C-alpha atoms as a PDB file:
ATOM      1  CA  MET A   1      -0.004  -0.011  -0.066  1.00  0.00           C
ATOM      2  CA  SER A   2       2.967   2.366   0.449  1.00  0.00           C
ATOM      3  CA  ASP A   3       3.070   3.345  -3.063  1.00  0.00           C
ATOM      4  CA  ILE A   4      -0.369   4.930  -2.847  1.00  0.00           C
ATOM      5  CA  PHE A   5       0.816   7.315  -0.129  1.00  0.00           C
ATOM      6  CA  PHE A   6       3.995   8.107  -1.827  1.00  0.00           C
ATOM      7  CA  ASP A   7       2.159   9.034  -5.077  1.00  0.00           C
ATOM      8  CA  GLU A   8      -0.831  11.030  -3.866  1.00  0.00           C
ATOM      9  CA  MET A   9       0.949  12.803  -1.135  1.00  0.00           C
ATOM     10  CA  CYS A  10       3.943  13.860  -3.630  1.00  0.00           C
ATOM     11  CA  ILE A  11       6.395  12.396  -1.006  1.00  0.00           C
ATOM     12  CA  PRO A  12       9.913  11.682  -2.576  1.00  0.00           C
ATOM     13  CA  LYS A  13      10.477   7.927  -3.008  1.00  0.00           C
ATOM     14  CA  PRO A  14      12.979   6.267  -0.654  1.00  0.00           C
ATOM     15  CA  HIS A  15      16.656   5.762  -1.614  1.00  0.00           C
ATOM     16  CA  TYR A  16      16.262   2.385   0.080  1.00  0.00           C
ATOM     17  CA  ASN A  17      13.496  -0.132   0.331  1.00  0.00           C
ATOM     18  CA  LEU A  18      14.327  -2.899   2.758  1.00  0.00           C
ATOM     19  CA  TYR A  19      11.678  -5.261   1.173  1.00  0.00           C
ATOM     20  CA  VAL A  20      11.053  -6.878   4.614  1.00  0.00           C
ATOM     21  CA  GLY A  21       7.593  -8.313   4.973  1.00  0.00           C
ATOM     22  CA  GLY A  22       5.969 -11.390   6.597  1.00  0.00           C
ATOM     23  CA  GLY A  23       7.241 -13.695   9.313  1.00  0.00           C
ATOM     24  CA  THR A  24       7.216 -13.416  12.906  1.00  0.00           C
ATOM     25  CA  GLN A  25       7.948 -10.106  14.723  1.00  0.00           C
ATOM     26  CA  GLY A  26      11.437 -11.259  15.814  1.00  0.00           C
ATOM     27  CA  ALA A  27      12.284 -12.440  12.377  1.00  0.00           C
ATOM     28  CA  MET A  28      11.150  -9.106  10.762  1.00  0.00           C
ATOM     29  CA  THR A  29      12.860  -7.070  13.250  1.00  0.00           C
ATOM     30  CA  GLY A  30      15.988  -8.972  12.748  1.00  0.00           C
ATOM     31  CA  ARG A  31      16.112  -8.785   8.945  1.00  0.00           C
ATOM     32  CA  MET A  32      15.435  -4.947   9.301  1.00  0.00           C
ATOM     33  CA  LEU A  33      18.318  -4.568  11.918  1.00  0.00           C
ATOM     34  CA  GLU A  34      20.583  -6.320   9.448  1.00  0.00           C
ATOM     35  CA  LYS A  35      19.508  -4.260   6.552  1.00  0.00           C
ATOM     36  CA  ILE A  36      19.504  -0.869   8.283  1.00  0.00           C
ATOM     37  CA  GLU A  37      22.972  -1.431   9.684  1.00  0.00           C
ATOM     38  CA  ALA A  38      24.429  -2.087   6.286  1.00  0.00           C
ATOM     39  CA  ILE A  39      22.847   1.391   5.099  1.00  0.00           C
ATOM     40  CA  LEU A  40      24.163   3.293   8.080  1.00  0.00           C
ATOM     41  CA  LEU A  41      27.754   1.958   7.446  1.00  0.00           C
ATOM     42  CA  GLU A  42      27.381   3.170   3.953  1.00  0.00           C
ATOM     43  CA  GLU A  43      25.796   6.567   4.485  1.00  0.00           C
ATOM     44  CA  LYS A  44      27.268   7.408   8.022  1.00  0.00           C
ATOM     45  CA  PRO A  45      24.572   9.847   8.949  1.00  0.00           C
ATOM     46  CA  ASP A  46      24.761  12.548  11.647  1.00  0.00           C
ATOM     47  CA  TYR A  47      21.390  11.270  13.035  1.00  0.00           C
ATOM     48  CA  VAL A  48      19.034   8.417  12.645  1.00  0.00           C
ATOM     49  CA  LEU A  49      15.557   9.654  12.893  1.00  0.00           C
ATOM     50  CA  ILE A  50      12.853   7.164  13.933  1.00  0.00           C
ATOM     51  CA  TYR A  51       9.188   7.545  14.009  1.00  0.00           C
ATOM     52  CA  GLY A  52       6.417   6.026  16.150  1.00  0.00           C
ATOM     53  CA  ASP A  53       6.233   2.441  17.588  1.00  0.00           C
ATOM     54  CA  THR A  54       6.629   0.001  14.860  1.00  0.00           C
ATOM     55  CA  ASN A  55       9.130  -3.057  14.403  1.00  0.00           C
ATOM     56  CA  SER A  56      11.179  -0.729  12.081  1.00  0.00           C
ATOM     57  CA  THR A  57      11.121   1.868  14.838  1.00  0.00           C
ATOM     58  CA  LEU A  58      13.044  -0.432  17.128  1.00  0.00           C
ATOM     59  CA  ALA A  59      15.234  -1.796  14.365  1.00  0.00           C
ATOM     60  CA  GLY A  60      16.380   1.719  13.377  1.00  0.00           C
ATOM     61  CA  ALA A  61      17.184   2.617  17.087  1.00  0.00           C
ATOM     62  CA  LEU A  62      19.112  -0.564  17.745  1.00  0.00           C
ATOM     63  CA  ALA A  63      21.154  -0.440  14.381  1.00  0.00           C
ATOM     64  CA  ALA A  64      21.970   3.291  15.210  1.00  0.00           C
ATOM     65  CA  ILE A  65      22.914   3.072  18.956  1.00  0.00           C
ATOM     66  CA  LYS A  66      25.045   0.066  18.331  1.00  0.00           C
ATOM     67  CA  LEU A  67      27.254   2.100  15.558  1.00  0.00           C
ATOM     68  CA  HIS A  68      27.203   5.131  18.123  1.00  0.00           C
ATOM     69  CA  ILE A  69      25.030   7.129  15.884  1.00  0.00           C
ATOM     70  CA  PRO A  70      22.512   9.537  17.759  1.00  0.00           C
ATOM     71  CA  VAL A  71      19.057   8.510  17.612  1.00  0.00           C
ATOM     72  CA  VAL A  72      16.177  11.065  17.375  1.00  0.00           C
ATOM     73  CA  HIS A  73      12.675   9.679  18.258  1.00  0.00           C
ATOM     74  CA  VAL A  74       9.666  11.576  16.786  1.00  0.00           C
ATOM     75  CA  GLU A  75       6.427  10.670  18.808  1.00  0.00           C
ATOM     76  CA  ALA A  76       8.495   9.739  21.997  1.00  0.00           C
ATOM     77  CA  GLY A  77       7.029   9.262  25.250  1.00  0.00           C
ATOM     78  CA  LEU A  78       3.735   7.445  24.318  1.00  0.00           C
ATOM     79  CA  ARG A  79       2.632   4.785  26.839  1.00  0.00           C
ATOM     80  CA  SER A  80      -0.404   2.468  26.786  1.00  0.00           C
ATOM     81  CA  PHE A  81       0.905   0.628  29.886  1.00  0.00           C
ATOM     82  CA  ASN A  82       0.210  -2.798  28.251  1.00  0.00           C
ATOM     83  CA  MET A  83       3.416  -4.660  27.847  1.00  0.00           C
ATOM     84  CA  ARG A  84       1.533  -7.280  25.774  1.00  0.00           C
ATOM     85  CA  MET A  85       1.486  -4.921  23.075  1.00  0.00           C
ATOM     86  CA  PRO A  86       4.481  -5.067  20.671  1.00  0.00           C
ATOM     87  CA  GLU A  87       4.063  -1.333  20.128  1.00  0.00           C
ATOM     88  CA  GLU A  88       4.588  -0.499  23.758  1.00  0.00           C
ATOM     89  CA  VAL A  89       7.752  -2.625  23.951  1.00  0.00           C
ATOM     90  CA  ASN A  90       9.047  -0.761  20.960  1.00  0.00           C
ATOM     91  CA  ARG A  91       8.242   2.529  22.246  1.00  0.00           C
ATOM     92  CA  ILE A  92       9.867   1.959  25.619  1.00  0.00           C
ATOM     93  CA  LEU A  93      12.939   0.526  24.057  1.00  0.00           C
ATOM     94  CA  SER A  94      13.372   3.246  21.528  1.00  0.00           C
ATOM     95  CA  ASP A  95      13.041   5.930  24.111  1.00  0.00           C
ATOM     96  CA  ARG A  96      15.718   4.578  26.356  1.00  0.00           C
ATOM     97  CA  VAL A  97      18.338   4.765  23.556  1.00  0.00           C
ATOM     98  CA  SER A  98      17.490   8.128  22.031  1.00  0.00           C
ATOM     99  CA  LYS A  99      19.380  11.351  22.233  1.00  0.00           C
ATOM    100  CA  LEU A 100      16.506  13.527  21.286  1.00  0.00           C
ATOM    101  CA  LEU A 101      13.059  12.690  22.293  1.00  0.00           C
ATOM    102  CA  LEU A 102      10.532  14.759  20.470  1.00  0.00           C
ATOM    103  CA  CYS A 103       7.220  14.590  22.133  1.00  0.00           C
ATOM    104  CA  PRO A 104       3.849  15.200  20.548  1.00  0.00           C
ATOM    105  CA  THR A 105       1.999  16.119  23.654  1.00  0.00           C
ATOM    106  CA  ASN A 106       2.574  17.319  27.272  1.00  0.00           C
ATOM    107  CA  THR A 107       1.451  14.015  28.516  1.00  0.00           C
ATOM    108  CA  ALA A 108       4.167  12.211  26.569  1.00  0.00           C
ATOM    109  CA  VAL A 109       6.757  14.565  28.377  1.00  0.00           C
ATOM    110  CA  LYS A 110       5.299  13.700  31.763  1.00  0.00           C
ATOM    111  CA  HIS A 111       5.384   9.964  30.881  1.00  0.00           C
ATOM    112  CA  LEU A 112       9.167  10.283  30.268  1.00  0.00           C
ATOM    113  CA  ALA A 113       9.692  12.355  33.461  1.00  0.00           C
ATOM    114  CA  ASN A 114       8.033   9.631  35.557  1.00  0.00           C
ATOM    115  CA  GLU A 115      10.652   7.278  34.126  1.00  0.00           C
ATOM    116  CA  ASN A 116      13.422   9.800  34.989  1.00  0.00           C
ATOM    117  CA  ILE A 117      14.092  10.571  31.363  1.00  0.00           C
ATOM    118  CA  THR A 118      14.346  14.520  30.980  1.00  0.00           C
ATOM    119  CA  ALA A 119      17.496  15.197  29.013  1.00  0.00           C
ATOM    120  CA  GLY A 120      16.866  15.875  25.238  1.00  0.00           C
ATOM    121  CA  VAL A 121      13.076  15.964  25.826  1.00  0.00           C
ATOM    122  CA  ILE A 122      11.069  18.343  23.778  1.00  0.00           C
ATOM    123  CA  ASN A 123       7.357  18.810  23.078  1.00  0.00           C
ATOM    124  CA  VAL A 124       7.239  19.762  19.311  1.00  0.00           C
ATOM    125  CA  GLY A 125       3.671  18.928  18.689  1.00  0.00           C
ATOM    126  CA  ASP A 126       2.352  16.063  16.433  1.00  0.00           C
ATOM    127  CA  VAL A 127       3.377  15.778  12.935  1.00  0.00           C
ATOM    128  CA  MET A 128       0.159  13.955  12.060  1.00  0.00           C
ATOM    129  CA  TYR A 129      -1.636  17.338  13.000  1.00  0.00           C
ATOM    130  CA  ASP A 130       0.600  19.020  10.322  1.00  0.00           C
ATOM    131  CA  ALA A 131      -0.319  16.409   7.732  1.00  0.00           C
ATOM    132  CA  VAL A 132      -4.165  16.790   8.394  1.00  0.00           C
ATOM    133  CA  LYS A 133      -3.932  20.528   8.262  1.00  0.00           C
ATOM    134  CA  PHE A 134      -2.024  20.569   5.065  1.00  0.00           C
ATOM    135  CA  TYR A 135      -3.711  17.703   3.201  1.00  0.00           C
ATOM    136  CA  GLY A 136      -7.035  18.291   4.675  1.00  0.00           C
ATOM    137  CA  GLU A 137      -7.243  21.484   2.413  1.00  0.00           C
ATOM    138  CA  ILE A 138      -6.000  19.850  -0.833  1.00  0.00           C
ATOM    139  CA  ALA A 139      -7.027  16.160  -0.594  1.00  0.00           C
ATOM    140  CA  VAL A 140      -9.147  15.150  -3.585  1.00  0.00           C
ATOM    141  CA  PRO A 141     -11.152  11.734  -2.929  1.00  0.00           C
ATOM    142  CA  SER A 142     -11.678   9.103  -5.513  1.00  0.00           C
ATOM    143  CA  LYS A 143     -14.879   9.137  -7.376  1.00  0.00           C
ATOM    144  CA  GLU A 144     -15.902   5.943  -5.693  1.00  0.00           C
ATOM    145  CA  VAL A 145     -15.318   7.104  -2.251  1.00  0.00           C
ATOM    146  CA  LYS A 146     -17.072  10.461  -2.995  1.00  0.00           C
ATOM    147  CA  GLU A 147     -20.149   8.716  -3.961  1.00  0.00           C
ATOM    148  CA  LEU A 148     -19.992   6.259  -1.020  1.00  0.00           C
ATOM    149  CA  ALA A 149     -19.688   9.018   1.569  1.00  0.00           C
ATOM    150  CA  GLN A 150     -23.278  10.109   1.199  1.00  0.00           C
ATOM    151  CA  GLY A 151     -25.616  10.535   4.080  1.00  0.00           C
ATOM    152  CA  GLU A 152     -24.760   9.568   7.877  1.00  0.00           C
ATOM    153  CA  TYR A 153     -22.271   6.803   8.407  1.00  0.00           C
ATOM    154  CA  TYR A 154     -19.594   5.654  10.619  1.00  0.00           C
ATOM    155  CA  LEU A 155     -16.071   4.947   9.488  1.00  0.00           C
ATOM    156  CA  SER A 156     -14.512   1.743  10.973  1.00  0.00           C
ATOM    157  CA  THR A 157     -11.042   0.338  10.774  1.00  0.00           C
ATOM    158  CA  VAL A 158      -9.913  -2.890  12.617  1.00  0.00           C
ATOM    159  CA  HIS A 159      -6.395  -4.223  12.253  1.00  0.00           C
ATOM    160  CA  ARG A 160      -4.517  -4.469  15.424  1.00  0.00           C
ATOM    161  CA  ALA A 161      -3.167  -7.813  16.408  1.00  0.00           C
ATOM    162  CA  GLU A 162      -4.904  -7.675  19.791  1.00  0.00           C
ATOM    163  CA  ASN A 163      -8.179  -7.794  17.959  1.00  0.00           C
ATOM    164  CA  THR A 164      -7.378  -9.832  14.915  1.00  0.00           C
ATOM    165  CA  ASP A 165      -5.406 -12.610  16.960  1.00  0.00           C
ATOM    166  CA  ASP A 166      -8.358 -13.113  19.369  1.00  0.00           C
ATOM    167  CA  ILE A 167     -11.448 -14.534  17.696  1.00  0.00           C
ATOM    168  CA  ASN A 168     -13.683 -13.648  20.554  1.00  0.00           C
ATOM    169  CA  ARG A 169     -12.629 -10.100  20.578  1.00  0.00           C
ATOM    170  CA  LEU A 170     -12.918  -9.871  16.659  1.00  0.00           C
ATOM    171  CA  LYS A 171     -16.322 -11.512  16.899  1.00  0.00           C
ATOM    172  CA  GLY A 172     -17.492  -8.955  19.478  1.00  0.00           C
ATOM    173  CA  ILE A 173     -16.275  -6.140  17.267  1.00  0.00           C
ATOM    174  CA  MET A 174     -17.846  -7.449  14.054  1.00  0.00           C
ATOM    175  CA  ASN A 175     -21.239  -8.237  15.769  1.00  0.00           C
ATOM    176  CA  ALA A 176     -21.449  -4.839  17.004  1.00  0.00           C
ATOM    177  CA  LEU A 177     -20.548  -3.196  13.661  1.00  0.00           C
ATOM    178  CA  ASN A 178     -23.230  -5.330  12.052  1.00  0.00           C
ATOM    179  CA  ASP A 179     -25.886  -4.334  14.435  1.00  0.00           C
ATOM    180  CA  ILE A 180     -24.872  -0.550  14.279  1.00  0.00           C
ATOM    181  CA  ALA A 181     -25.100  -0.886  10.526  1.00  0.00           C
ATOM    182  CA  LEU A 182     -28.823  -1.742  10.901  1.00  0.00           C
ATOM    183  CA  LYS A 183     -29.570   1.710  12.009  1.00  0.00           C
ATOM    184  CA  THR A 184     -26.656   3.882  10.705  1.00  0.00           C
ATOM    185  CA  LYS A 185     -24.278   2.984   7.618  1.00  0.00           C
ATOM    186  CA  VAL A 186     -20.913   1.676   8.553  1.00  0.00           C
ATOM    187  CA  ILE A 187     -17.997   1.824   6.041  1.00  0.00           C
ATOM    188  CA  LEU A 188     -15.042  -0.577   6.656  1.00  0.00           C
ATOM    189  CA  PRO A 189     -11.966  -0.291   4.671  1.00  0.00           C
ATOM    190  CA  LEU A 190     -10.844  -4.083   5.416  1.00  0.00           C
ATOM    191  CA  HIS A 191      -7.149  -4.665   6.369  1.00  0.00           C
ATOM    192  CA  PRO A 192      -5.748  -7.792   4.516  1.00  0.00           C
ATOM    193  CA  ARG A 193      -4.933  -9.260   7.816  1.00  0.00           C
ATOM    194  CA  THR A 194      -8.479  -8.778   9.317  1.00  0.00           C
ATOM    195  CA  LYS A 195     -10.005 -10.254   6.022  1.00  0.00           C
ATOM    196  CA  LYS A 196      -7.932 -13.158   6.246  1.00  0.00           C
ATOM    197  CA  VAL A 197      -8.878 -14.056   9.767  1.00  0.00           C
ATOM    198  CA  LEU A 198     -12.669 -13.333   8.997  1.00  0.00           C
ATOM    199  CA  ALA A 199     -12.740 -15.699   6.078  1.00  0.00           C
ATOM    200  CA  ALA A 200     -10.750 -18.424   8.047  1.00  0.00           C
ATOM    201  CA  ASN A 201     -13.123 -18.231  10.877  1.00  0.00           C
ATOM    202  CA  ASP A 202     -16.495 -17.754   8.907  1.00  0.00           C
ATOM    203  CA  ILE A 203     -17.191 -14.436  10.663  1.00  0.00           C
ATOM    204  CA  LYS A 204     -20.041 -12.598   8.806  1.00  0.00           C
ATOM    205  CA  ILE A 205     -20.288  -8.861   8.376  1.00  0.00           C
ATOM    206  CA  ASP A 206     -23.404  -8.904   5.978  1.00  0.00           C
ATOM    207  CA  ASN A 207     -24.605  -5.439   7.036  1.00  0.00           C
ATOM    208  CA  VAL A 208     -21.397  -3.356   6.873  1.00  0.00           C
ATOM    209  CA  ILE A 209     -20.119  -1.763   3.769  1.00  0.00           C
ATOM    210  CA  VAL A 210     -16.758  -3.403   3.214  1.00  0.00           C
ATOM    211  CA  ILE A 211     -14.269  -1.629   0.953  1.00  0.00           C
ATOM    212  CA  ASP A 212     -10.558  -2.282   0.006  1.00  0.00           C
ATOM    213  CA  PRO A 213      -8.064  -0.434   1.867  1.00  0.00           C
ATOM    214  CA  VAL A 214      -7.847   3.053   0.631  1.00  0.00           C
ATOM    215  CA  GLY A 215      -5.259   5.907   0.419  1.00  0.00           C
ATOM    216  CA  TYR A 216      -4.692   8.646   2.873  1.00  0.00           C
ATOM    217  CA  PHE A 217      -6.852  11.264   0.773  1.00  0.00           C
ATOM    218  CA  ASP A 218      -9.794   8.829   0.788  1.00  0.00           C
ATOM    219  CA  ILE A 219      -9.527   8.098   4.627  1.00  0.00           C
ATOM    220  CA  LEU A 220      -9.552  11.768   5.302  1.00  0.00           C
ATOM    221  CA  TYR A 221     -12.540  12.524   3.169  1.00  0.00           C
ATOM    222  CA  LEU A 222     -14.307   9.488   4.669  1.00  0.00           C
ATOM    223  CA  LEU A 223     -13.543  10.523   8.190  1.00  0.00           C
ATOM    224  CA  LYS A 224     -14.344  14.220   7.676  1.00  0.00           C
ATOM    225  CA  ASN A 225     -17.790  13.376   6.262  1.00  0.00           C
ATOM    226  CA  SER A 226     -18.505  10.673   8.854  1.00  0.00           C
ATOM    227  CA  ILE A 227     -20.570  11.021  11.993  1.00  0.00           C
ATOM    228  CA  GLY A 228     -17.718   9.449  13.893  1.00  0.00           C
ATOM    229  CA  ALA A 229     -15.106   6.607  14.089  1.00  0.00           C
ATOM    230  CA  LEU A 230     -15.120   3.129  15.423  1.00  0.00           C
ATOM    231  CA  THR A 231     -11.375   2.114  15.326  1.00  0.00           C
ATOM    232  CA  ASP A 232      -8.404   0.418  16.965  1.00  0.00           C
ATOM    233  CA  SER A 233      -5.854   2.687  15.181  1.00  0.00           C
ATOM    234  CA  GLY A 234      -3.811   4.910  17.203  1.00  0.00           C
ATOM    235  CA  GLY A 235      -3.490   7.397  14.159  1.00  0.00           C
ATOM    236  CA  MET A 236      -7.246   7.572  13.285  1.00  0.00           C
ATOM    237  CA  GLN A 237      -7.968   8.336  17.084  1.00  0.00           C
ATOM    238  CA  LYS A 238      -5.937  11.584  16.466  1.00  0.00           C
ATOM    239  CA  GLU A 239      -7.326  12.245  13.064  1.00  0.00           C
ATOM    240  CA  ALA A 240     -10.897  11.948  14.429  1.00  0.00           C
ATOM    241  CA  TYR A 241      -9.860  14.564  16.984  1.00  0.00           C
ATOM    242  CA  PHE A 242      -8.281  16.975  14.350  1.00  0.00           C
ATOM    243  CA  LEU A 243     -11.536  16.707  12.289  1.00  0.00           C
ATOM    244  CA  ASN A 244     -13.907  17.260  15.206  1.00  0.00           C
ATOM    245  CA  LYS A 245     -15.314  13.720  15.043  1.00  0.00           C
ATOM    246  CA  PRO A 246     -16.283  11.591  18.110  1.00  0.00           C
ATOM    247  CA  CYS A 247     -14.209   8.327  18.386  1.00  0.00           C
ATOM    248  CA  PHE A 248     -14.949   4.855  20.000  1.00  0.00           C
ATOM    249  CA  THR A 249     -11.704   3.050  20.236  1.00  0.00           C
ATOM    250  CA  LEU A 250     -11.956  -0.758  19.960  1.00  0.00           C
ATOM    251  CA  ARG A 251      -9.210  -1.375  22.546  1.00  0.00           C
ATOM    252  CA  ASP A 252      -8.850  -1.731  26.249  1.00  0.00           C
ATOM    253  CA  GLU A 253      -6.431   1.045  26.753  1.00  0.00           C
ATOM    254  CA  THR A 254      -4.736   3.799  24.466  1.00  0.00           C
ATOM    255  CA  GLU A 255      -1.616   5.585  24.222  1.00  0.00           C
ATOM    256  CA  TRP A 256      -3.501   8.872  23.461  1.00  0.00           C
ATOM    257  CA  THR A 257      -4.842   9.144  27.036  1.00  0.00           C
ATOM    258  CA  GLU A 258      -5.427  12.821  26.634  1.00  0.00           C
ATOM    259  CA  LEU A 259      -8.284  12.285  24.031  1.00  0.00           C
ATOM    260  CA  VAL A 260      -9.996  10.072  26.733  1.00  0.00           C
ATOM    261  CA  ASP A 261      -9.345  12.621  29.446  1.00  0.00           C
ATOM    262  CA  CYS A 262     -10.944  15.331  27.582  1.00  0.00           C
ATOM    263  CA  GLY A 263     -13.895  13.530  26.465  1.00  0.00           C
ATOM    264  CA  ALA A 264     -13.330  12.990  22.891  1.00  0.00           C
ATOM    265  CA  ASN A 265     -12.542   9.464  22.876  1.00  0.00           C
ATOM    266  CA  ILE A 266     -14.293   6.591  24.426  1.00  0.00           C
ATOM    267  CA  LEU A 267     -12.609   3.340  25.201  1.00  0.00           C
ATOM    268  CA  VAL A 268     -15.022   0.541  24.287  1.00  0.00           C
ATOM    269  CA  GLY A 269     -12.744  -2.419  24.030  1.00  0.00           C
ATOM    270  CA  ALA A 270     -14.154  -5.383  22.121  1.00  0.00           C
ATOM    271  CA  ASP A 271     -17.250  -5.941  24.137  1.00  0.00           C
ATOM    272  CA  TYR A 272     -20.350  -6.009  22.190  1.00  0.00           C
ATOM    273  CA  GLU A 273     -22.674  -4.463  24.852  1.00  0.00           C
ATOM    274  CA  LYS A 274     -20.165  -1.798  25.669  1.00  0.00           C
ATOM    275  CA  ILE A 275     -19.801  -0.641  22.146  1.00  0.00           C
ATOM    276  CA  MET A 276     -23.356  -0.646  21.526  1.00  0.00           C
ATOM    277  CA  SER A 277     -24.179   1.113  24.580  1.00  0.00           C
ATOM    278  CA  ALA A 278     -21.524   3.923  24.042  1.00  0.00           C
ATOM    279  CA  VAL A 279     -22.778   4.336  20.428  1.00  0.00           C
ATOM    280  CA  ASN A 280     -26.468   4.519  21.225  1.00  0.00           C
ATOM    281  CA  ALA A 281     -25.677   6.986  24.040  1.00  0.00           C
ATOM    282  CA  MET A 282     -23.321   9.156  21.896  1.00  0.00           C
ATOM    283  CA  ASN A 283     -23.208  12.694  23.178  1.00  0.00           C
ATOM    284  CA  PHE A 284     -20.067  14.569  22.747  1.00  0.00           C
ATOM    285  CA  ASP A 285     -19.594  18.136  23.648  1.00  0.00           C
ATOM    286  CA  LYS A 286     -18.049  20.197  20.733  1.00  0.00           C
ATOM    287  CA  GLU A 287     -16.112  22.114  23.023  1.00  0.00           C
ATOM    288  CA  VAL A 288     -13.682  19.290  23.527  1.00  0.00           C
ATOM    289  CA  PHE A 289     -12.412  19.534  20.143  1.00  0.00           C
ATOM    290  CA  GLU A 290     -11.407  23.114  20.669  1.00  0.00           C
ATOM    291  CA  GLN A 291      -8.355  22.267  22.915  1.00  0.00           C
ATOM    292  CA  GLN A 292      -4.912  22.470  21.350  1.00  0.00           C
ATOM    293  CA  LEU A 293      -3.539  19.174  22.739  1.00  0.00           C
ATOM    294  CA  PHE A 294      -1.187  18.434  19.714  1.00  0.00           C
ATOM    295  CA  GLY A 295       0.571  21.686  19.087  1.00  0.00           C
ATOM    296  CA  ASN A 296      -0.121  24.342  16.463  1.00  0.00           C
ATOM    297  CA  GLY A 297       0.466  22.351  13.197  1.00  0.00           C
ATOM    298  CA  GLU A 298       4.042  23.291  12.938  1.00  0.00           C
ATOM    299  CA  ALA A 299       5.793  19.991  14.402  1.00  0.00           C
ATOM    300  CA  GLY A 300       7.669  19.433  11.416  1.00  0.00           C
ATOM    301  CA  LYS A 301       9.230  22.752  11.245  1.00  0.00           C
ATOM    302  CA  LYS A 302      10.150  22.703  15.026  1.00  0.00           C
ATOM    303  CA  ILE A 303      11.765  19.164  14.475  1.00  0.00           C
ATOM    304  CA  VAL A 304      13.990  20.747  11.800  1.00  0.00           C
ATOM    305  CA  GLU A 305      14.895  23.523  14.114  1.00  0.00           C
ATOM    306  CA  VAL A 306      15.871  21.125  16.766  1.00  0.00           C
ATOM    307  CA  LEU A 307      17.986  18.928  14.555  1.00  0.00           C
ATOM    308  CA  VAL A 308      19.921  21.999  13.188  1.00  0.00           C
ATOM    309  CA  LYS A 309      20.422  23.488  16.695  1.00  0.00           C
ATOM    310  CA  ASN A 310      21.735  20.052  17.916  1.00  0.00           C
ATOM    311  CA  GLN A 311      24.092  19.409  15.103  1.00  0.00           C
ATOM    312  CA  ALA A 312      27.346  18.084  16.079  1.00  0.00           C
END
């Protein structure tokens, strides 16, 4: 799917593609570590900038620190406090070896302080807010998505391993989406992994409008014109907030605790009754979306300024 994002967002194609996909998390991380190390030895960069909490984030951090190259972690300090999540492990280990920890929120700064990490910690805001502000003005959806996004509907995404690897959780979510769709349309761009698990376990979602995964512009358009999101995506939780849309998070915890605290996001887990109850009682105060929790939309500029200032 990455080609879609590079093309429509006019992002320069990478100089290197590791072509690492499939296999266990350990195997993937190991292959990435080996390939990233080879690139770093050839390029000899001043910094290695890592983003987020994926296996590639951790691989980049480990490859760099073992070669004594300073690590810069963008989106540092996030914590869900669930060590069963691979993302949580990746976040914590990456933060531990980073020289510069560029946080998206004050909450992230506080998490690091609670772990006695204060050196090199800077709140720069959230780069995803930059993206939504910039592309939200120019994004042109596909004809198919524009036709689909008519009337009232919820946008849903389900892809996290904690939901797809647990059949009971996945059934609870899909049963709820099916029943919500009896009253209000539900659009579900279906992740390949989720699609595979649904088919293997004969889980039906007949009432939901299922579409193939779509690009960033189409997702922004679908979310912008929806009445709310039902998602287990960390990114969509924030995008919903940026676009003033209520969010029901299909997880038991979230790294974006400030969204729950301010009332813009409700944790509903994978429990059918909890999901249905929250959606049926939907009542969000519009004022919660007016708080500037993620900076002013200039995180990218601040990150560049920090890198230039800290140049060796």
